[in-house]
N, C-alpha and C. Protein backbone atom coordinates (compact mmCIF):
# COMPACT_ATOMS: atom_id res chain seq x y z
N UNK A 1 7.02 126.82 7.86
CA UNK A 1 6.64 128.77 7.40
C UNK A 1 5.11 128.14 8.44
N UNK A 2 4.69 129.24 8.93
CA UNK A 2 3.00 129.25 9.77
C UNK A 2 2.78 129.98 8.65
N UNK A 3 0.84 129.75 8.39
CA UNK A 3 0.66 130.64 7.12
C UNK A 3 0.56 132.07 7.33
N UNK A 4 0.58 132.89 8.54
CA UNK A 4 0.80 134.38 8.25
C UNK A 4 2.19 134.54 8.35
N UNK A 5 2.62 133.75 8.59
CA UNK A 5 4.45 134.57 8.80
C UNK A 5 4.65 134.20 7.08
N UNK A 6 3.85 133.31 6.24
CA UNK A 6 4.08 133.14 5.09
C UNK A 6 3.47 134.72 3.91
N UNK A 7 2.28 135.08 4.32
CA UNK A 7 1.60 135.76 3.74
C UNK A 7 2.66 136.90 4.07
N UNK A 8 2.93 137.28 5.24
CA UNK A 8 4.17 138.76 5.32
C UNK A 8 5.21 138.27 4.43
N UNK A 9 5.46 137.10 4.05
CA UNK A 9 7.04 136.95 3.71
C UNK A 9 6.63 137.15 1.81
N UNK A 10 5.47 136.92 1.48
CA UNK A 10 4.88 137.20 -0.15
C UNK A 10 5.00 138.49 -0.47
N UNK A 11 5.11 138.74 -1.62
CA UNK A 11 5.28 140.20 -2.18
C UNK A 11 4.84 139.64 -3.59
N UNK A 12 4.41 140.66 -4.46
CA UNK A 12 4.15 140.68 -5.71
C UNK A 12 5.75 140.95 -6.58
N UNK A 13 6.08 140.06 -6.92
CA UNK A 13 7.68 139.88 -7.50
C UNK A 13 7.63 140.50 -8.69
N UNK A 14 8.69 141.61 -9.19
CA UNK A 14 8.68 142.28 -10.18
C UNK A 14 9.40 141.86 -11.21
N UNK A 15 10.87 140.96 -10.62
CA UNK A 15 11.83 140.24 -11.06
C UNK A 15 12.15 139.18 -10.59
N UNK A 16 11.66 138.07 -11.75
CA UNK A 16 11.93 136.50 -11.33
C UNK A 16 13.84 136.64 -11.09
N UNK A 17 14.29 135.33 -11.10
CA UNK A 17 15.50 134.63 -10.89
C UNK A 17 15.61 134.03 -12.08
N UNK A 18 16.68 133.14 -12.58
CA UNK A 18 16.55 131.93 -13.79
C UNK A 18 16.19 130.81 -12.92
N UNK A 19 16.11 130.86 -11.86
CA UNK A 19 16.32 129.37 -10.92
C UNK A 19 14.44 128.84 -11.17
N UNK A 20 14.63 127.23 -11.69
CA UNK A 20 13.04 126.87 -12.24
C UNK A 20 12.83 125.97 -11.02
N UNK A 21 11.20 126.00 -10.71
CA UNK A 21 10.78 124.90 -9.96
C UNK A 21 10.92 123.65 -10.81
N UNK A 22 10.48 122.71 -9.67
CA UNK A 22 10.76 121.32 -10.24
C UNK A 22 9.40 120.93 -10.63
N UNK A 23 9.13 119.91 -10.82
CA UNK A 23 8.49 119.37 -11.11
C UNK A 23 6.72 118.83 -9.77
N UNK A 24 7.84 118.70 -8.91
CA UNK A 24 6.68 118.46 -7.49
C UNK A 24 6.41 119.83 -6.95
N UNK A 25 7.05 120.41 -7.12
CA UNK A 25 6.46 122.19 -6.71
C UNK A 25 5.44 122.62 -7.78
N UNK A 26 5.60 121.76 -8.87
CA UNK A 26 4.70 122.73 -9.94
C UNK A 26 3.19 121.62 -9.79
N UNK A 27 3.62 121.12 -9.74
CA UNK A 27 2.42 119.85 -9.09
C UNK A 27 1.48 120.20 -8.12
N UNK A 28 2.09 120.51 -6.75
CA UNK A 28 1.73 121.46 -5.74
C UNK A 28 0.79 122.19 -6.23
N UNK A 29 1.41 123.40 -6.79
CA UNK A 29 0.54 124.51 -7.29
C UNK A 29 -0.74 123.80 -8.01
N UNK A 30 -0.62 123.34 -8.45
CA UNK A 30 -1.70 123.03 -9.68
C UNK A 30 -2.73 122.15 -9.07
N UNK A 31 -2.16 121.77 -8.04
CA UNK A 31 -3.48 121.01 -6.86
C UNK A 31 -4.10 121.79 -6.16
N UNK A 32 -3.63 122.99 -5.84
CA UNK A 32 -4.07 123.56 -4.93
C UNK A 32 -5.56 124.44 -5.68
N UNK A 33 -5.20 124.46 -6.93
CA UNK A 33 -6.28 124.97 -8.60
C UNK A 33 -7.30 124.45 -8.22
N UNK A 34 -6.79 123.19 -8.33
CA UNK A 34 -7.78 121.86 -8.60
C UNK A 34 -8.91 122.05 -6.91
N UNK A 35 -7.90 121.79 -6.60
CA UNK A 35 -8.66 121.74 -4.96
C UNK A 35 -9.48 122.83 -4.21
N UNK A 36 -9.53 123.93 -5.16
CA UNK A 36 -10.28 125.40 -4.85
C UNK A 36 -11.88 124.94 -4.40
N UNK A 37 -12.35 125.72 -3.65
CA UNK A 37 -13.63 126.10 -3.86
C UNK A 37 -13.99 127.04 -5.03
N UNK A 38 -15.27 126.70 -5.47
CA UNK A 38 -15.73 127.59 -6.56
C UNK A 38 -17.35 127.52 -5.73
N UNK A 39 -18.07 128.48 -6.52
CA UNK A 39 -19.76 128.32 -6.15
C UNK A 39 -20.05 127.39 -6.95
N UNK A 40 -20.81 126.64 -6.12
CA UNK A 40 -22.04 125.06 -6.55
C UNK A 40 -20.63 123.90 -6.92
N UNK A 41 -19.51 124.35 -6.92
CA UNK A 41 -18.09 123.38 -7.30
C UNK A 41 -17.99 123.47 -8.75
N UNK A 42 -18.60 124.11 -9.72
CA UNK A 42 -18.70 124.29 -10.92
C UNK A 42 -17.37 124.61 -11.51
N UNK A 43 -16.52 124.91 -10.74
CA UNK A 43 -14.73 125.25 -11.91
C UNK A 43 -15.30 126.16 -13.11
N UNK A 44 -15.53 127.04 -13.49
CA UNK A 44 -16.06 127.34 -14.88
C UNK A 44 -15.01 128.08 -15.03
N UNK A 45 -13.29 127.74 -15.14
CA UNK A 45 -12.01 128.04 -15.55
C UNK A 45 -11.65 127.06 -16.01
N UNK A 46 -10.65 127.53 -16.59
CA UNK A 46 -9.33 126.50 -17.18
C UNK A 46 -8.15 126.98 -16.72
N UNK A 47 -6.81 126.27 -15.90
CA UNK A 47 -4.97 126.71 -15.95
C UNK A 47 -4.63 126.15 -17.30
N UNK A 48 -3.70 126.94 -17.20
CA UNK A 48 -2.91 127.19 -18.36
C UNK A 48 -1.66 127.06 -17.93
N UNK A 49 -0.56 126.18 -17.89
CA UNK A 49 1.02 126.42 -17.16
C UNK A 49 1.17 126.41 -18.84
N UNK A 50 2.41 127.37 -18.81
CA UNK A 50 3.11 127.81 -19.83
C UNK A 50 4.85 127.80 -19.58
N UNK A 51 5.28 126.25 -19.87
CA UNK A 51 6.61 126.42 -19.71
C UNK A 51 7.26 126.51 -20.56
N UNK A 52 7.01 126.80 -22.21
CA UNK A 52 7.60 126.97 -23.42
C UNK A 52 8.53 128.46 -23.40
N UNK A 53 9.04 128.56 -23.11
CA UNK A 53 10.28 130.13 -23.49
C UNK A 53 9.78 130.79 -24.78
N UNK A 54 9.23 129.94 -25.97
CA UNK A 54 9.07 130.68 -27.49
C UNK A 54 7.26 131.38 -26.83
N UNK A 55 6.88 130.69 -25.93
CA UNK A 55 5.16 130.72 -26.43
C UNK A 55 4.98 132.13 -25.33
N UNK A 56 5.97 132.27 -24.03
CA UNK A 56 5.80 133.25 -23.38
C UNK A 56 6.42 134.66 -24.17
N UNK A 57 7.46 134.47 -24.78
CA UNK A 57 7.78 135.56 -26.02
C UNK A 57 6.58 136.01 -27.01
N UNK A 58 5.66 134.78 -26.93
CA UNK A 58 4.79 135.35 -27.93
C UNK A 58 3.47 136.20 -27.36
N UNK A 59 3.61 136.25 -25.99
CA UNK A 59 2.57 136.41 -24.98
C UNK A 59 3.34 138.22 -24.70
N UNK A 60 4.80 138.25 -24.13
CA UNK A 60 4.86 139.32 -23.87
C UNK A 60 4.21 140.73 -24.62
N UNK A 61 4.18 141.11 -25.67
CA UNK A 61 3.71 141.73 -26.73
C UNK A 61 2.50 142.39 -26.29
N UNK A 62 1.63 141.58 -25.51
CA UNK A 62 0.40 141.81 -24.78
C UNK A 62 0.40 141.83 -23.49
N UNK A 63 1.50 142.41 -22.95
CA UNK A 63 1.60 141.84 -21.53
C UNK A 63 2.26 143.45 -21.16
N UNK A 64 1.87 144.94 -22.01
CA UNK A 64 2.65 146.01 -21.53
C UNK A 64 3.43 146.02 -21.39
N UNK A 65 4.68 145.74 -22.03
CA UNK A 65 6.01 145.47 -21.46
C UNK A 65 6.73 144.70 -20.22
N UNK A 66 5.54 144.41 -19.39
CA UNK A 66 6.06 143.50 -18.47
C UNK A 66 6.69 142.00 -18.61
N UNK A 67 7.96 142.71 -18.52
CA UNK A 67 9.05 141.60 -18.69
C UNK A 67 9.00 140.15 -17.73
N UNK A 68 8.63 140.20 -16.60
CA UNK A 68 8.27 139.09 -16.12
C UNK A 68 7.16 137.80 -16.31
N UNK A 69 6.40 138.25 -17.72
CA UNK A 69 5.58 137.41 -18.20
C UNK A 69 6.12 136.55 -19.00
N UNK A 70 7.37 137.13 -19.71
CA UNK A 70 8.11 135.89 -20.29
C UNK A 70 9.71 135.57 -19.43
N UNK A 71 10.29 136.33 -18.31
CA UNK A 71 11.21 135.84 -17.50
C UNK A 71 10.48 135.42 -15.85
N UNK A 72 10.02 133.83 -16.25
CA UNK A 72 9.74 132.85 -14.40
C UNK A 72 10.09 131.88 -15.31
N UNK A 73 9.81 130.94 -13.79
CA UNK A 73 9.93 129.36 -14.17
C UNK A 73 8.83 129.18 -14.84
N UNK A 74 7.52 129.60 -14.51
CA UNK A 74 6.27 129.07 -15.34
C UNK A 74 5.07 129.97 -15.30
N UNK A 75 4.39 130.44 -15.84
CA UNK A 75 4.05 131.35 -16.05
C UNK A 75 2.07 130.54 -16.06
N UNK A 76 1.23 131.06 -14.98
CA UNK A 76 0.17 130.09 -15.36
C UNK A 76 -1.02 131.24 -15.67
N UNK A 77 -1.74 130.67 -16.30
CA UNK A 77 -3.07 131.56 -17.02
C UNK A 77 -4.10 131.02 -16.67
N UNK A 78 -4.69 131.94 -15.46
CA UNK A 78 -6.24 131.36 -15.50
C UNK A 78 -7.21 132.18 -16.28
N UNK A 79 -8.47 130.89 -17.44
CA UNK A 79 -9.07 131.49 -18.01
C UNK A 79 -10.70 131.54 -18.13
N UNK A 80 -12.00 131.96 -17.65
CA UNK A 80 -12.74 131.40 -17.51
C UNK A 80 -13.44 131.31 -18.48
N UNK A 81 -14.77 130.63 -18.44
CA UNK A 81 -15.39 129.98 -19.59
C UNK A 81 -16.16 131.70 -19.95
N UNK A 82 -17.23 131.43 -21.03
CA UNK A 82 -17.35 132.56 -21.61
C UNK A 82 -19.12 132.56 -21.94
N UNK A 83 -19.53 130.91 -21.44
CA UNK A 83 -20.96 130.85 -21.57
C UNK A 83 -21.10 129.71 -20.91
N UNK A 84 -22.06 129.36 -20.08
CA UNK A 84 -22.47 128.39 -19.04
C UNK A 84 -23.76 127.58 -19.82
N UNK A 85 -23.93 126.29 -20.04
CA UNK A 85 -25.24 126.08 -20.41
C UNK A 85 -25.70 124.95 -19.23
N UNK A 86 -26.68 124.88 -19.63
CA UNK A 86 -27.41 123.66 -19.10
C UNK A 86 -26.84 122.31 -19.40
N UNK A 87 -26.31 122.03 -20.30
CA UNK A 87 -25.43 120.85 -20.75
C UNK A 87 -24.47 120.70 -20.09
N UNK A 88 -24.08 122.26 -20.04
CA UNK A 88 -22.69 122.21 -18.89
C UNK A 88 -23.11 121.90 -17.31
N UNK A 89 -23.96 121.90 -16.83
CA UNK A 89 -24.45 122.10 -15.64
C UNK A 89 -24.86 120.39 -15.21
N UNK A 90 -26.01 120.06 -16.53
CA UNK A 90 -25.76 118.53 -16.61
C UNK A 90 -24.56 117.48 -16.58
N UNK A 91 -23.58 118.19 -17.08
CA UNK A 91 -22.73 117.21 -17.15
C UNK A 91 -21.89 116.91 -15.94
N UNK A 92 -21.84 118.24 -14.60
CA UNK A 92 -21.28 118.66 -13.98
C UNK A 92 -22.28 117.54 -13.06
N UNK A 93 -22.98 117.52 -13.12
CA UNK A 93 -24.21 117.30 -12.11
C UNK A 93 -24.08 115.27 -12.38
N UNK A 94 -23.62 115.02 -13.18
CA UNK A 94 -23.69 113.34 -13.61
C UNK A 94 -22.28 113.39 -13.02
N UNK A 95 -20.98 114.10 -13.33
CA UNK A 95 -19.61 113.66 -12.51
C UNK A 95 -19.65 113.77 -11.34
N UNK A 96 -20.52 114.80 -10.66
CA UNK A 96 -20.32 114.14 -9.05
C UNK A 96 -20.80 113.80 -8.98
N UNK A 97 -22.43 113.36 -9.45
CA UNK A 97 -23.20 112.06 -8.72
C UNK A 97 -21.96 110.66 -9.61
N UNK A 98 -21.31 110.45 -9.79
CA UNK A 98 -20.71 109.13 -10.53
C UNK A 98 -19.79 109.15 -9.48
N UNK A 99 -19.00 110.47 -8.67
CA UNK A 99 -17.77 110.34 -7.64
C UNK A 99 -18.06 109.97 -6.68
N UNK A 100 -19.72 110.25 -6.34
CA UNK A 100 -20.36 110.05 -5.06
C UNK A 100 -20.94 108.88 -4.84
N UNK A 101 -20.75 107.99 -5.92
CA UNK A 101 -22.01 106.54 -6.17
C UNK A 101 -23.15 106.66 -6.14
N UNK A 102 -23.81 107.68 -6.45
CA UNK A 102 -25.01 108.09 -6.50
C UNK A 102 -25.52 108.41 -8.26
N UNK A 103 -27.16 108.54 -8.15
CA UNK A 103 -27.46 108.77 -9.05
C UNK A 103 -27.69 110.29 -9.67
N UNK A 104 -27.54 110.75 -10.77
CA UNK A 104 -28.01 112.11 -11.39
C UNK A 104 -29.74 112.40 -10.80
N UNK A 105 -30.58 111.76 -10.60
CA UNK A 105 -31.53 111.44 -9.97
C UNK A 105 -31.77 112.11 -8.63
N UNK A 106 -30.74 111.80 -7.71
CA UNK A 106 -30.52 111.67 -6.45
C UNK A 106 -29.73 113.70 -6.37
N UNK A 107 -29.39 114.31 -7.37
CA UNK A 107 -28.75 115.78 -7.23
C UNK A 107 -29.87 116.73 -8.07
N UNK A 108 -31.00 116.10 -9.00
CA UNK A 108 -31.71 116.44 -9.69
C UNK A 108 -32.27 117.98 -8.61
N UNK A 109 -32.49 118.32 -7.62
CA UNK A 109 -32.88 119.52 -6.99
C UNK A 109 -31.62 120.15 -6.62
N UNK A 110 -30.59 119.77 -6.32
CA UNK A 110 -29.05 120.79 -6.53
C UNK A 110 -29.09 121.08 -7.95
N UNK A 111 -29.26 120.53 -8.57
CA UNK A 111 -29.34 120.74 -10.29
C UNK A 111 -30.29 121.49 -10.64
N UNK A 112 -31.27 121.52 -10.32
CA UNK A 112 -32.47 122.89 -10.75
C UNK A 112 -31.84 123.96 -9.80
N UNK A 113 -31.52 124.04 -8.36
CA UNK A 113 -31.22 124.81 -7.96
C UNK A 113 -30.03 126.14 -9.27
N UNK A 114 -29.23 125.12 -9.40
CA UNK A 114 -27.90 125.67 -10.07
C UNK A 114 -28.79 126.67 -11.38
N UNK A 115 -29.53 125.27 -12.35
CA UNK A 115 -29.82 126.17 -13.08
C UNK A 115 -31.00 127.75 -12.92
N UNK A 116 -31.61 127.40 -11.58
CA UNK A 116 -31.98 128.88 -11.45
C UNK A 116 -31.90 129.63 -11.22
N UNK A 117 -30.36 129.50 -10.58
CA UNK A 117 -29.61 131.12 -10.17
C UNK A 117 -29.03 131.48 -11.79
N UNK A 118 -27.98 130.70 -12.36
CA UNK A 118 -26.94 130.93 -13.43
C UNK A 118 -27.76 131.13 -14.40
N UNK A 119 -28.73 130.01 -15.47
CA UNK A 119 -29.41 130.32 -16.21
C UNK A 119 -30.57 131.93 -16.94
N UNK A 120 -30.77 132.14 -15.44
CA UNK A 120 -31.63 133.25 -15.73
C UNK A 120 -30.80 134.23 -15.06
N UNK A 121 -29.53 134.79 -15.49
CA UNK A 121 -28.42 135.76 -15.43
C UNK A 121 -28.31 136.05 -17.01
N UNK A 122 -27.92 137.24 -17.07
CA UNK A 122 -28.16 137.80 -18.37
C UNK A 122 -26.50 137.03 -18.88
N UNK A 123 -25.93 136.97 -20.35
CA UNK A 123 -24.72 136.80 -20.41
C UNK A 123 -23.44 137.20 -19.83
N UNK A 124 -23.70 138.37 -19.98
CA UNK A 124 -22.50 139.36 -19.35
C UNK A 124 -22.51 138.60 -17.51
N UNK A 125 -23.66 138.82 -16.67
CA UNK A 125 -23.97 138.64 -15.64
C UNK A 125 -22.85 136.89 -15.61
N UNK A 126 -23.21 136.35 -16.47
CA UNK A 126 -22.67 135.00 -16.31
C UNK A 126 -20.82 134.65 -16.27
N UNK A 127 -20.61 135.78 -17.56
CA UNK A 127 -19.04 135.56 -17.54
C UNK A 127 -18.32 136.15 -16.49
N UNK A 128 -19.82 137.63 -15.66
CA UNK A 128 -19.17 137.97 -14.55
C UNK A 128 -18.84 137.23 -13.55
N UNK A 129 -19.75 136.06 -13.15
CA UNK A 129 -19.59 135.14 -12.06
C UNK A 129 -18.82 134.23 -12.16
N UNK A 130 -18.33 133.75 -13.83
CA UNK A 130 -17.54 132.91 -14.18
C UNK A 130 -15.83 133.44 -13.73
N UNK A 131 -15.80 134.62 -14.33
CA UNK A 131 -14.14 135.19 -13.66
C UNK A 131 -14.02 135.66 -12.33
N UNK A 132 -15.13 135.91 -11.23
CA UNK A 132 -15.05 135.55 -10.05
C UNK A 132 -14.60 134.12 -9.24
N UNK A 133 -15.15 133.26 -9.67
CA UNK A 133 -14.94 132.25 -9.93
C UNK A 133 -13.16 131.66 -9.99
N UNK A 134 -12.57 132.66 -11.13
CA UNK A 134 -11.39 132.49 -11.16
C UNK A 134 -10.54 132.91 -10.02
N UNK A 135 -10.88 134.01 -9.28
CA UNK A 135 -10.29 134.57 -8.61
C UNK A 135 -9.94 133.97 -7.12
N UNK A 136 -11.33 133.12 -6.98
CA UNK A 136 -11.12 132.14 -5.62
C UNK A 136 -9.99 131.37 -6.07
N UNK A 137 -9.96 130.57 -6.77
CA UNK A 137 -8.66 129.49 -7.36
C UNK A 137 -6.96 130.33 -7.20
N UNK A 138 -7.07 131.70 -7.27
CA UNK A 138 -6.05 132.46 -7.57
C UNK A 138 -5.27 132.23 -6.18
N UNK A 139 -6.18 132.85 -5.32
CA UNK A 139 -6.04 133.09 -4.01
C UNK A 139 -5.61 131.58 -3.41
N UNK A 140 -5.96 130.55 -3.69
CA UNK A 140 -5.11 129.26 -3.40
C UNK A 140 -3.81 129.44 -4.18
N UNK A 141 -3.62 129.40 -4.97
CA UNK A 141 -2.53 129.53 -5.66
C UNK A 141 -1.57 129.95 -4.80
N UNK A 142 -1.72 131.76 -4.65
CA UNK A 142 -1.29 132.34 -3.81
C UNK A 142 -0.81 131.84 -2.64
N UNK A 143 -1.13 131.53 -1.97
CA UNK A 143 -1.76 130.83 -0.54
C UNK A 143 -0.78 129.74 -0.92
N UNK A 144 -0.68 128.95 -1.29
CA UNK A 144 0.04 127.47 -1.48
C UNK A 144 1.16 127.64 -2.14
N UNK A 145 1.52 128.97 -2.87
CA UNK A 145 3.00 129.53 -3.26
C UNK A 145 4.12 129.73 -1.87
N UNK A 146 3.02 130.88 -1.53
CA UNK A 146 3.80 131.61 -0.22
C UNK A 146 3.94 130.36 0.96
N UNK A 147 3.42 129.76 1.42
CA UNK A 147 3.71 128.38 2.54
C UNK A 147 5.00 127.65 1.44
N UNK A 148 4.99 127.25 0.72
CA UNK A 148 5.83 126.95 0.04
C UNK A 148 7.37 127.81 -0.71
N UNK A 149 7.33 128.83 0.06
CA UNK A 149 8.29 129.58 -0.41
C UNK A 149 8.39 129.54 -1.96
N UNK A 150 7.77 129.98 -2.85
CA UNK A 150 7.72 129.97 -4.43
C UNK A 150 7.04 131.44 -4.58
N UNK A 151 7.50 132.04 -5.25
CA UNK A 151 7.22 133.69 -5.57
C UNK A 151 6.36 133.40 -6.78
N UNK A 152 5.42 134.81 -6.43
CA UNK A 152 4.42 134.41 -8.00
C UNK A 152 4.19 136.29 -8.00
N UNK A 153 3.47 136.16 -8.68
CA UNK A 153 2.53 137.63 -8.99
C UNK A 153 1.63 137.86 -9.59
N UNK A 154 0.36 138.05 -9.49
CA UNK A 154 -0.91 138.37 -10.16
C UNK A 154 -0.62 139.39 -10.71
N UNK A 155 -1.73 138.74 -12.25
CA UNK A 155 -1.96 140.22 -13.03
C UNK A 155 -2.60 140.21 -13.82
N UNK A 156 -3.76 141.35 -13.71
CA UNK A 156 -4.52 141.69 -14.48
C UNK A 156 -4.13 142.67 -15.47
N UNK A 157 -3.44 143.12 -15.32
CA UNK A 157 -3.25 144.40 -16.66
C UNK A 157 -2.57 143.87 -17.60
N UNK A 158 -3.38 143.15 -18.52
CA UNK A 158 -2.73 142.72 -20.15
C UNK A 158 -3.95 142.87 -21.35
N UNK A 159 -3.11 142.39 -22.72
CA UNK A 159 -4.68 142.58 -23.64
C UNK A 159 -5.03 141.00 -23.68
N UNK A 160 -6.09 140.91 -22.91
CA UNK A 160 -6.58 139.57 -23.17
C UNK A 160 -7.16 139.00 -24.55
N UNK A 161 -7.00 140.21 -25.09
CA UNK A 161 -7.73 139.49 -26.57
C UNK A 161 -6.38 138.96 -27.38
N UNK A 162 -5.63 140.26 -27.01
CA UNK A 162 -3.99 139.10 -27.66
C UNK A 162 -3.49 138.07 -27.10
N UNK A 163 -3.51 137.47 -25.48
CA UNK A 163 -3.12 136.52 -24.90
C UNK A 163 -4.08 135.16 -25.44
N UNK A 164 -5.76 135.65 -25.81
CA UNK A 164 -6.63 134.68 -26.37
C UNK A 164 -6.13 134.09 -27.53
N UNK A 165 -5.72 135.40 -28.29
CA UNK A 165 -5.77 134.43 -30.07
C UNK A 165 -4.15 133.70 -29.92
N UNK A 166 -3.08 134.42 -29.38
CA UNK A 166 -1.82 133.12 -29.07
C UNK A 166 -2.10 131.75 -28.31
N UNK A 167 -2.99 131.43 -27.76
CA UNK A 167 -3.61 130.53 -26.62
C UNK A 167 -4.44 129.68 -27.39
N UNK A 168 -5.04 130.21 -28.42
CA UNK A 168 -5.94 129.76 -28.90
C UNK A 168 -7.89 129.44 -28.01
N UNK A 169 -8.02 130.40 -27.35
CA UNK A 169 -8.60 130.08 -26.31
C UNK A 169 -10.07 130.44 -26.79
N UNK A 170 -10.46 131.57 -27.68
CA UNK A 170 -11.63 132.07 -28.10
C UNK A 170 -12.60 130.36 -28.42
N UNK A 171 -11.73 129.73 -29.55
CA UNK A 171 -11.95 128.27 -29.92
C UNK A 171 -12.51 127.57 -29.09
N UNK A 172 -11.78 128.06 -27.58
CA UNK A 172 -12.37 126.90 -26.64
C UNK A 172 -13.18 127.40 -26.20
N UNK A 173 -13.94 128.80 -25.61
CA UNK A 173 -15.12 128.92 -25.46
C UNK A 173 -14.13 130.08 -24.19
N UNK A 174 -13.10 130.25 -24.11
CA UNK A 174 -12.67 130.45 -22.62
C UNK A 174 -12.10 132.14 -22.97
N UNK A 175 -11.89 132.69 -22.03
CA UNK A 175 -11.31 134.25 -21.49
C UNK A 175 -9.99 134.26 -21.00
N UNK A 176 -9.20 134.86 -21.21
CA UNK A 176 -7.52 134.92 -20.42
C UNK A 176 -8.52 135.70 -19.20
N UNK A 177 -8.58 136.00 -18.11
CA UNK A 177 -8.32 136.57 -16.79
C UNK A 177 -7.56 137.16 -16.57
N UNK A 178 -6.20 136.31 -15.56
CA UNK A 178 -5.51 136.13 -14.81
C UNK A 178 -4.21 135.73 -15.41
N UNK A 179 -3.21 136.15 -15.28
CA UNK A 179 -1.45 135.90 -15.63
C UNK A 179 -1.13 135.79 -14.43
N UNK A 180 -0.37 134.70 -13.99
CA UNK A 180 0.31 134.96 -12.74
C UNK A 180 1.43 134.02 -12.83
N UNK A 181 2.75 134.72 -13.14
CA UNK A 181 3.98 134.26 -13.22
C UNK A 181 4.63 133.25 -12.03
N UNK A 182 5.18 132.35 -11.72
CA UNK A 182 5.92 131.82 -10.39
C UNK A 182 7.01 131.50 -10.91
N UNK A 183 8.14 131.71 -9.71
CA UNK A 183 9.59 131.13 -9.35
C UNK A 183 10.28 131.32 -8.54
N UNK A 184 11.21 132.26 -8.18
CA UNK A 184 11.82 132.77 -7.35
C UNK A 184 12.50 134.42 -7.61
N UNK A 185 11.82 134.67 -6.76
CA UNK A 185 12.09 136.47 -6.50
C UNK A 185 14.13 136.18 -6.94
N UNK A 186 14.74 137.64 -7.77
CA UNK A 186 15.45 138.09 -8.26
C UNK A 186 16.45 138.52 -6.88
N UNK A 187 17.56 138.40 -6.90
CA UNK A 187 18.46 139.20 -5.71
C UNK A 187 18.54 140.62 -6.17
N UNK A 188 18.12 141.18 -7.69
CA UNK A 188 18.14 141.94 -8.18
C UNK A 188 16.93 143.09 -7.98
N UNK A 189 15.92 142.11 -7.94
CA UNK A 189 14.46 142.95 -7.20
C UNK A 189 14.30 143.81 -5.87
N UNK A 190 14.34 145.12 -6.12
CA UNK A 190 14.47 145.88 -5.13
C UNK A 190 13.37 146.28 -4.89
N UNK A 191 12.00 145.54 -4.99
CA UNK A 191 10.99 145.68 -4.54
C UNK A 191 10.72 144.57 -3.40
N UNK A 192 11.39 143.40 -3.31
CA UNK A 192 11.44 143.00 -1.86
C UNK A 192 11.55 143.09 -0.74
N UNK A 193 12.24 144.19 -0.67
CA UNK A 193 12.80 144.98 0.50
C UNK A 193 12.13 146.09 1.00
N UNK A 194 10.97 146.13 0.02
CA UNK A 194 9.83 147.44 0.37
C UNK A 194 8.95 146.46 1.48
N UNK A 195 8.82 147.80 2.37
CA UNK A 195 7.55 147.33 3.47
C UNK A 195 6.44 147.15 2.98
N UNK A 196 5.90 145.77 3.59
CA UNK A 196 4.52 145.60 2.85
C UNK A 196 3.16 146.50 3.84
N UNK A 197 2.48 147.19 3.24
CA UNK A 197 1.65 148.17 3.50
C UNK A 197 0.32 147.09 3.38
N UNK A 198 -0.82 146.98 4.32
CA UNK A 198 -2.09 146.86 4.58
C UNK A 198 -3.15 147.53 5.16
N UNK A 199 -4.24 147.72 5.05
CA UNK A 199 -4.83 148.31 5.85
C UNK A 199 -4.48 148.07 7.52
N UNK A 200 -4.61 148.58 8.35
CA UNK A 200 -4.78 148.11 9.72
C UNK A 200 -6.49 147.44 10.07
N UNK A 201 -5.96 146.45 10.88
CA UNK A 201 -7.44 146.13 11.17
C UNK A 201 -8.78 146.58 11.38
N UNK A 202 -8.02 147.87 12.08
CA UNK A 202 -9.39 148.51 12.28
C UNK A 202 -9.96 148.99 11.30
N UNK A 203 -8.85 149.67 10.05
CA UNK A 203 -10.07 150.04 8.98
C UNK A 203 -10.35 149.50 8.15
N UNK A 204 -9.76 147.65 8.20
CA UNK A 204 -10.31 146.87 7.08
C UNK A 204 -11.74 145.97 7.66
N UNK A 205 -11.61 146.08 9.01
CA UNK A 205 -12.76 145.03 9.98
C UNK A 205 -13.52 145.81 10.41
N UNK A 206 -14.90 145.27 10.50
CA UNK A 206 -16.09 145.72 11.04
C UNK A 206 -16.81 144.98 11.89
N UNK A 207 -17.24 144.53 12.97
CA UNK A 207 -17.30 143.64 13.35
C UNK A 207 -18.78 143.81 14.21
N UNK A 208 -20.04 143.17 13.77
CA UNK A 208 -20.98 143.69 14.00
C UNK A 208 -21.45 142.73 15.28
């Protein structure tokens, strides 16, 4: 399936079937998130894969009655960091240097650019910045799923405080930003036959 065809094929699934993804499929989706772009390459988020049916049921009360949170193959949870410190940046620089057979000193200028940008932001600005990076990764997940004919439904309508509590995210310095159940659409899902609406190119795009 070519990419544009895949994007036309996908939709936000309302009801999933009982069919499960295999491990290779799940691993492919995870890898798409891992390889996602992010500002400075920092990836200030973590991905949680919920396979446990019991845990899904615990999350359901905080999902405003959206049963697809519990009824899916796997539930992907994107959680962004709630703080970015100089130590975080230094650790990142050390890891990059090691992976590229360079020294941290080689990347000192790059490190200072990141520090000058992120550490001059307010706490709320850093939180907003971190959450934005999670959405970039979500885009990669949705694209990878579509090209592989795996269904998904990105969700932001949920009680993040409740999700955080169930998954123990607060103690990890994380906040649940996006839920994305994945699997296969049910034949009973009537939303699958609705025409896809998007703005026209003329409405959406301005070429200057």
